[in-house]
Every structure is written in structure tokens, then in C-alpha cells.
């Protein structure tokens, strides 16, 4: 009499452990970036933290079509480096050249006066803007993404896989299942309460 064979699992625990380990290692830099910039943002460390800023008040805003010439002239006049990308982009209606790391912009201040502003951001500032999905974008269908955005989406998906693989490897705590569900419920309640009192 032959013994019944156990049904084979599609993905073994060993495979889940490998997935968990490899994804954890690959996305570790992203985890550090999101953790550091997220905590920094809570403590009011914004994108200009540690940045070198040059500001100059102007008499008037540039005429339409003359923005690029004026920006480049002002940079040369004050011996400031030219950004790698000199294509003019309108950011909140203000002409700007450069990228998130180094940019030159002409905008109106709170007093309404035009100001020429050059910002050379620190690594923290650049990473915070990556966290906030800023940077050079490319179109994919009806969406716009940066290269960092694509990997950030992968990181978000991998976080779900981390939890899933962890639960599968431990068989969702067979011996302490009641305690495990109680802790899960506690986490949900605390999360909901934290959101509610933060509204």
C-alpha cells in the first residue's frame, strides 16, 4: 500500500526566504533614503537644508521668450556655473533652468519683487526631492515618471512581498496564532487612531 504523496507547493519556503533576502538587499539603499528623508522632513528639514543659495533682487521679470538669455547672462555676470540643462521650464509659473541638484530661477517673492535665485542643493535635499517624486520625468502612457519613481514603485511592491514572504516562512506563527492576530488588530487600531488624531 503506497502512502499518499503530499501536494507540492508552487513556491517553497526556501524560495520565499531567497526572495525576501535578495529584495531586502537590493532595496536597502531605498529603505535608508526613505527613512532618513522621511524623519528629516518631520523635523522640518526641507529640500534646501544644507543648500548653497544665491539671491539677487531684479527690477522686473523677463519678457516672454527672453527668460533663458537673462538667466544665462545673470549666471555669467556673477561667476556662477551654468546648469547642465539650460532648457527653460516653468515651475509654478516661474522660469527655471537646471535640475533638482542645481537650478537657477526667476520668481516673485512675497513682496512681489522679482528675484533671481540659484540653488545648489546638498545630497539630503536631492534625496528628499527624489522621495517627493521630483526630478527629470519621461512619459509612459498618460503618466510621467523619473527613473527613481520606477524603482520606488518596485520598492513599494517589494515591501508587500517582504511581509508576505515573512508570514509564509513563519507559517503565520502557527503556535501563537491568537496572539499574532491580536497584535495585528492592535496595529490596525493604533494606525487608524493615529490618522484620526492627526487630521
C-alpha atoms as a PDB file:
ATOM      1  CA  UNK A   1       0.000   0.000   0.000  1.00  0.00           C
ATOM      2  CA  UNK A   2       1.604   3.211  -1.085  1.00  0.00           C
ATOM      3  CA  UNK A   3       1.489   6.303   1.081  1.00  0.00           C
ATOM      4  CA  UNK A   4      -0.262   9.338  -0.321  1.00  0.00           C
ATOM      5  CA  UNK A   5       2.121  11.918  -1.665  1.00  0.00           C
ATOM      6  CA  UNK A   6       1.884  15.420  -0.271  1.00  0.00           C
ATOM      7  CA  UNK A   7       0.863  18.100  -2.774  1.00  0.00           C
ATOM      8  CA  UNK A   8       3.813  20.178  -3.870  1.00  0.00           C
ATOM      9  CA  UNK A   9       3.720  23.882  -3.143  1.00  0.00           C
ATOM     10  CA  UNK A  10       4.123  26.300  -6.024  1.00  0.00           C
ATOM     11  CA  UNK A  11       6.746  28.288  -4.102  1.00  0.00           C
ATOM     12  CA  UNK A  12       8.666  26.625  -1.287  1.00  0.00           C
ATOM     13  CA  UNK A  13       9.641  28.296   1.989  1.00  0.00           C
ATOM     14  CA  UNK A  14      13.273  28.225   0.866  1.00  0.00           C
ATOM     15  CA  UNK A  15      12.362  30.143  -2.297  1.00  0.00           C
ATOM     16  CA  UNK A  16      10.388  32.692  -0.266  1.00  0.00           C
ATOM     17  CA  UNK A  17      13.417  33.147   2.004  1.00  0.00           C
ATOM     18  CA  UNK A  18      15.617  33.825  -1.033  1.00  0.00           C
ATOM     19  CA  UNK A  19      13.089  36.322  -2.433  1.00  0.00           C
ATOM     20  CA  UNK A  20      12.932  38.057   0.945  1.00  0.00           C
ATOM     21  CA  UNK A  21      16.728  38.194   1.299  1.00  0.00           C
ATOM     22  CA  UNK A  22      17.555  39.345  -2.234  1.00  0.00           C
ATOM     23  CA  UNK A  23      14.851  42.017  -2.354  1.00  0.00           C
ATOM     24  CA  UNK A  24      15.894  43.259   1.094  1.00  0.00           C
ATOM     25  CA  UNK A  25      19.491  43.648  -0.037  1.00  0.00           C
ATOM     26  CA  UNK A  26      18.637  45.224  -3.404  1.00  0.00           C
ATOM     27  CA  UNK A  27      16.243  47.806  -1.958  1.00  0.00           C
ATOM     28  CA  UNK A  28      18.243  48.584   1.215  1.00  0.00           C
ATOM     29  CA  UNK A  29      19.504  51.927  -0.228  1.00  0.00           C
ATOM     30  CA  UNK A  30      15.899  52.933  -0.971  1.00  0.00           C
ATOM     31  CA  UNK A  31      14.803  51.988   2.550  1.00  0.00           C
ATOM     32  CA  UNK A  32      17.568  54.173   4.009  1.00  0.00           C
ATOM     33  CA  UNK A  33      16.704  57.095   1.700  1.00  0.00           C
ATOM     34  CA  UNK A  34      13.011  56.983   2.590  1.00  0.00           C
ATOM     35  CA  UNK A  35      13.707  56.539   6.310  1.00  0.00           C
ATOM     36  CA  UNK A  36      16.289  59.352   6.567  1.00  0.00           C
ATOM     37  CA  UNK A  37      14.426  61.898   4.432  1.00  0.00           C
ATOM     38  CA  UNK A  38      11.057  60.976   5.947  1.00  0.00           C
ATOM     39  CA  UNK A  39      12.258  61.518   9.521  1.00  0.00           C
ATOM     40  CA  UNK A  40      14.170  64.639   8.448  1.00  0.00           C
ATOM     41  CA  UNK A  41      11.034  66.092   6.855  1.00  0.00           C
ATOM     42  CA  UNK A  42       9.071  65.522  10.068  1.00  0.00           C
ATOM     43  CA  UNK A  43      11.751  67.558  11.892  1.00  0.00           C
ATOM     44  CA  UNK A  44      11.324  70.365   9.321  1.00  0.00           C
ATOM     45  CA  UNK A  45      14.482  69.629   7.320  1.00  0.00           C
ATOM     46  CA  UNK A  46      13.288  70.616   3.848  1.00  0.00           C
ATOM     47  CA  UNK A  47      14.917  70.341   0.412  1.00  0.00           C
ATOM     48  CA  UNK A  48      17.019  73.490   0.890  1.00  0.00           C
ATOM     49  CA  UNK A  49      18.649  72.128   4.063  1.00  0.00           C
ATOM     50  CA  UNK A  50      22.420  72.450   3.629  1.00  0.00           C
ATOM     51  CA  UNK A  51      21.999  74.127   0.229  1.00  0.00           C
ATOM     52  CA  UNK A  52      24.128  76.959  -1.153  1.00  0.00           C
ATOM     53  CA  UNK A  53      21.762  79.761  -2.145  1.00  0.00           C
ATOM     54  CA  UNK A  54      22.469  82.924  -4.139  1.00  0.00           C
ATOM     55  CA  UNK A  55      19.739  85.567  -4.411  1.00  0.00           C
ATOM     56  CA  UNK A  56      19.588  88.853  -6.277  1.00  0.00           C
ATOM     57  CA  UNK A  57      16.669  91.249  -6.485  1.00  0.00           C
ATOM     58  CA  UNK A  58      15.767  92.308 -10.033  1.00  0.00           C
ATOM     59  CA  UNK A  59      13.982  95.365 -11.353  1.00  0.00           C
ATOM     60  CA  UNK A  60      11.477  93.424 -13.435  1.00  0.00           C
ATOM     61  CA  UNK A  61      10.527  89.984 -14.700  1.00  0.00           C
ATOM     62  CA  UNK A  62      11.979  88.979 -18.086  1.00  0.00           C
ATOM     63  CA  UNK A  63       9.837  89.359 -21.188  1.00  0.00           C
ATOM     64  CA  UNK A  64       8.356  86.231 -22.690  1.00  0.00           C
ATOM     65  CA  UNK A  65      10.962  84.459 -24.817  1.00  0.00           C
ATOM     66  CA  UNK A  66      13.889  86.232 -23.101  1.00  0.00           C
ATOM     67  CA  UNK A  67      13.947  84.119 -19.930  1.00  0.00           C
ATOM     68  CA  UNK A  68      16.784  81.813 -20.984  1.00  0.00           C
ATOM     69  CA  UNK A  69      19.057  84.638 -22.161  1.00  0.00           C
ATOM     70  CA  UNK A  70      18.550  86.594 -18.945  1.00  0.00           C
ATOM     71  CA  UNK A  71      19.169  83.569 -16.726  1.00  0.00           C
ATOM     72  CA  UNK A  72      22.391  82.706 -18.565  1.00  0.00           C
ATOM     73  CA  UNK A  73      23.562  86.346 -18.521  1.00  0.00           C
ATOM     74  CA  UNK A  74      22.989  86.633 -14.774  1.00  0.00           C
ATOM     75  CA  UNK A  75      24.846  83.376 -14.125  1.00  0.00           C
ATOM     76  CA  UNK A  76      27.828  84.523 -16.204  1.00  0.00           C
ATOM     77  CA  UNK A  77      27.830  88.029 -14.698  1.00  0.00           C
ATOM     78  CA  UNK A  78      28.010  86.695 -11.146  1.00  0.00           C
ATOM     79  CA  UNK A  79      30.502  83.922 -11.995  1.00  0.00           C
ATOM     80  CA  UNK A  80      28.060  81.137 -11.237  1.00  0.00           C
ATOM     81  CA  UNK A  81      28.234  77.827 -13.053  1.00  0.00           C
ATOM     82  CA  UNK A  82      25.846  77.035 -15.882  1.00  0.00           C
ATOM     83  CA  UNK A  83      23.440  74.129 -15.201  1.00  0.00           C
ATOM     84  CA  UNK A  84      23.844  71.045 -17.421  1.00  0.00           C
ATOM     85  CA  UNK A  85      20.292  71.531 -18.709  1.00  0.00           C
ATOM     86  CA  UNK A  86      19.553  75.080 -19.903  1.00  0.00           C
ATOM     87  CA  UNK A  87      16.077  74.378 -21.256  1.00  0.00           C
ATOM     88  CA  UNK A  88      13.614  76.759 -19.619  1.00  0.00           C
ATOM     89  CA  UNK A  89      10.857  75.114 -17.597  1.00  0.00           C
ATOM     90  CA  UNK A  90       8.025  76.910 -15.861  1.00  0.00           C
ATOM     91  CA  UNK A  91       7.819  75.920 -12.206  1.00  0.00           C
ATOM     92  CA  UNK A  92       4.699  77.399 -10.627  1.00  0.00           C
ATOM     93  CA  UNK A  93       4.726  79.901 -13.481  1.00  0.00           C
ATOM     94  CA  UNK A  94       8.348  80.941 -12.873  1.00  0.00           C
ATOM     95  CA  UNK A  95      11.119  80.407 -15.477  1.00  0.00           C
ATOM     96  CA  UNK A  96      13.804  77.982 -14.312  1.00  0.00           C
ATOM     97  CA  UNK A  97      16.787  76.129 -15.774  1.00  0.00           C
ATOM     98  CA  UNK A  98      18.761  73.228 -14.329  1.00  0.00           C
ATOM     99  CA  UNK A  99      17.648  70.245 -12.288  1.00  0.00           C
ATOM    100  CA  UNK A 100      16.827  69.348  -8.689  1.00  0.00           C
ATOM    101  CA  UNK A 101      20.517  69.390  -7.719  1.00  0.00           C
ATOM    102  CA  UNK A 102      21.399  72.777  -9.232  1.00  0.00           C
ATOM    103  CA  UNK A 103      18.947  75.321 -10.605  1.00  0.00           C
ATOM    104  CA  UNK A 104      18.547  78.991 -11.470  1.00  0.00           C
ATOM    105  CA  UNK A 105      15.099  80.574 -11.227  1.00  0.00           C
ATOM    106  CA  UNK A 106      13.467  83.976 -11.534  1.00  0.00           C
ATOM    107  CA  UNK A 107      10.397  84.308  -9.352  1.00  0.00           C
ATOM    108  CA  UNK A 108       8.412  86.871  -7.424  1.00  0.00           C
ATOM    109  CA  UNK A 109       8.949  86.957  -3.679  1.00  0.00           C
ATOM    110  CA  UNK A 110       6.296  87.501  -1.035  1.00  0.00           C
ATOM    111  CA  UNK A 111       6.694  91.244  -1.535  1.00  0.00           C
ATOM    112  CA  UNK A 112       6.024  90.818  -5.253  1.00  0.00           C
ATOM    113  CA  UNK A 113       9.546  91.810  -6.296  1.00  0.00           C
ATOM    114  CA  UNK A 114      11.317  89.651  -8.921  1.00  0.00           C
ATOM    115  CA  UNK A 115      14.248  87.661  -7.541  1.00  0.00           C
ATOM    116  CA  UNK A 116      16.998  85.745  -9.304  1.00  0.00           C
ATOM    117  CA  UNK A 117      17.706  82.650  -7.208  1.00  0.00           C
ATOM    118  CA  UNK A 118      20.363  79.980  -7.671  1.00  0.00           C
ATOM    119  CA  UNK A 119      20.244  76.860  -5.504  1.00  0.00           C
ATOM    120  CA  UNK A 120      22.901  74.167  -5.239  1.00  0.00           C
ATOM    121  CA  UNK A 121      21.344  71.509  -3.054  1.00  0.00           C
ATOM    122  CA  UNK A 122      23.018  69.122  -0.647  1.00  0.00           C
ATOM    123  CA  UNK A 123      22.730  65.365  -1.096  1.00  0.00           C
ATOM    124  CA  UNK A 124      19.997  65.386   1.552  1.00  0.00           C
ATOM    125  CA  UNK A 125      17.991  67.948  -0.431  1.00  0.00           C
ATOM    126  CA  UNK A 126      18.343  65.955  -3.648  1.00  0.00           C
ATOM    127  CA  UNK A 127      17.282  62.714  -1.949  1.00  0.00           C
ATOM    128  CA  UNK A 128      14.305  64.416  -0.307  1.00  0.00           C
ATOM    129  CA  UNK A 129      13.135  65.644  -3.710  1.00  0.00           C
ATOM    130  CA  UNK A 130      13.541  62.110  -5.070  1.00  0.00           C
ATOM    131  CA  UNK A 131      11.371  60.959  -2.153  1.00  0.00           C
ATOM    132  CA  UNK A 132       8.783  63.579  -3.197  1.00  0.00           C
ATOM    133  CA  UNK A 133       8.855  62.326  -6.818  1.00  0.00           C
ATOM    134  CA  UNK A 134      10.634  65.352  -8.268  1.00  0.00           C
ATOM    135  CA  UNK A 135      13.290  65.229 -10.959  1.00  0.00           C
ATOM    136  CA  UNK A 136      13.528  64.713 -14.708  1.00  0.00           C
ATOM    137  CA  UNK A 137      10.470  62.852 -15.992  1.00  0.00           C
ATOM    138  CA  UNK A 138       9.678  60.760 -19.037  1.00  0.00           C
ATOM    139  CA  UNK A 139       6.206  59.953 -20.304  1.00  0.00           C
ATOM    140  CA  UNK A 140       4.804  56.463 -20.041  1.00  0.00           C
ATOM    141  CA  UNK A 141       1.286  56.434 -21.385  1.00  0.00           C
ATOM    142  CA  UNK A 142      -0.661  59.135 -19.569  1.00  0.00           C
ATOM    143  CA  UNK A 143       1.798  59.165 -16.650  1.00  0.00           C
ATOM    144  CA  UNK A 144       5.115  60.901 -16.057  1.00  0.00           C
ATOM    145  CA  UNK A 145       7.873  59.124 -14.147  1.00  0.00           C
ATOM    146  CA  UNK A 146      11.505  59.643 -13.259  1.00  0.00           C
ATOM    147  CA  UNK A 147      13.897  56.678 -13.203  1.00  0.00           C
ATOM    148  CA  UNK A 148      13.812  56.886  -9.399  1.00  0.00           C
ATOM    149  CA  UNK A 149       9.992  56.730  -9.447  1.00  0.00           C
ATOM    150  CA  UNK A 150      10.062  53.391 -11.265  1.00  0.00           C
ATOM    151  CA  UNK A 151      12.396  51.888  -8.675  1.00  0.00           C
ATOM    152  CA  UNK A 152      10.364  53.486  -5.866  1.00  0.00           C
ATOM    153  CA  UNK A 153       7.263  51.678  -7.155  1.00  0.00           C
ATOM    154  CA  UNK A 154       9.304  48.464  -7.156  1.00  0.00           C
ATOM    155  CA  UNK A 155      10.346  49.203  -3.570  1.00  0.00           C
ATOM    156  CA  UNK A 156       6.708  49.676  -2.546  1.00  0.00           C
ATOM    157  CA  UNK A 157       5.729  46.360  -4.119  1.00  0.00           C
ATOM    158  CA  UNK A 158       8.715  44.659  -2.500  1.00  0.00           C
ATOM    159  CA  UNK A 159       7.580  45.871   0.941  1.00  0.00           C
ATOM    160  CA  UNK A 160       4.366  43.911   0.443  1.00  0.00           C
ATOM    161  CA  UNK A 161       6.410  40.893  -0.638  1.00  0.00           C
ATOM    162  CA  UNK A 162       8.640  41.257   2.453  1.00  0.00           C
ATOM    163  CA  UNK A 163       5.608  40.898   4.705  1.00  0.00           C
ATOM    164  CA  UNK A 164       4.066  38.140   2.606  1.00  0.00           C
ATOM    165  CA  UNK A 165       7.284  36.124   2.433  1.00  0.00           C
ATOM    166  CA  UNK A 166       7.895  36.635   6.154  1.00  0.00           C
ATOM    167  CA  UNK A 167       4.422  35.370   7.029  1.00  0.00           C
ATOM    168  CA  UNK A 168       4.774  32.380   4.702  1.00  0.00           C
ATOM    169  CA  UNK A 169       8.209  31.423   6.049  1.00  0.00           C
ATOM    170  CA  UNK A 170       6.899  31.503   9.626  1.00  0.00           C
ATOM    171  CA  UNK A 171       3.554  29.933   8.576  1.00  0.00           C
ATOM    172  CA  UNK A 172       1.969  32.968  10.243  1.00  0.00           C
ATOM    173  CA  UNK A 173       3.066  31.891  13.713  1.00  0.00           C
ATOM    174  CA  UNK A 174       1.154  28.594  13.932  1.00  0.00           C
ATOM    175  CA  UNK A 175       1.903  28.138  17.627  1.00  0.00           C
ATOM    176  CA  UNK A 176       0.837  31.658  18.655  1.00  0.00           C
ATOM    177  CA  UNK A 177      -1.802  32.428  16.062  1.00  0.00           C
ATOM    178  CA  UNK A 178      -4.237  34.058  18.524  1.00  0.00           C
ATOM    179  CA  UNK A 179      -1.513  36.353  19.850  1.00  0.00           C
ATOM    180  CA  UNK A 180      -0.408  37.140  16.285  1.00  0.00           C
ATOM    181  CA  UNK A 181      -3.907  38.181  15.207  1.00  0.00           C
ATOM    182  CA  UNK A 182      -4.279  40.239  18.394  1.00  0.00           C
ATOM    183  CA  UNK A 183      -1.038  42.102  17.603  1.00  0.00           C
ATOM    184  CA  UNK A 184      -2.183  42.640  14.004  1.00  0.00           C
ATOM    185  CA  UNK A 185      -5.504  44.022  15.243  1.00  0.00           C
ATOM    186  CA  UNK A 186      -3.674  46.271  17.697  1.00  0.00           C
ATOM    187  CA  UNK A 187      -1.514  47.622  14.887  1.00  0.00           C
ATOM    188  CA  UNK A 188      -4.574  48.415  12.762  1.00  0.00           C
ATOM    189  CA  UNK A 189      -6.332  50.180  15.661  1.00  0.00           C
ATOM    190  CA  UNK A 190      -3.245  52.247  16.578  1.00  0.00           C
ATOM    191  CA  UNK A 191      -2.726  53.211  12.922  1.00  0.00           C
ATOM    192  CA  UNK A 192      -6.355  54.313  12.484  1.00  0.00           C
ATOM    193  CA  UNK A 193      -6.274  56.283  15.761  1.00  0.00           C
ATOM    194  CA  UNK A 194      -3.001  57.994  14.797  1.00  0.00           C
ATOM    195  CA  UNK A 195      -4.513  59.062  11.457  1.00  0.00           C
ATOM    196  CA  UNK A 196      -7.703  60.300  13.139  1.00  0.00           C
ATOM    197  CA  UNK A 197      -5.991  62.443  15.803  1.00  0.00           C
ATOM    198  CA  UNK A 198      -3.630  63.834  13.131  1.00  0.00           C
ATOM    199  CA  UNK A 199      -6.463  65.174  10.940  1.00  0.00           C
END
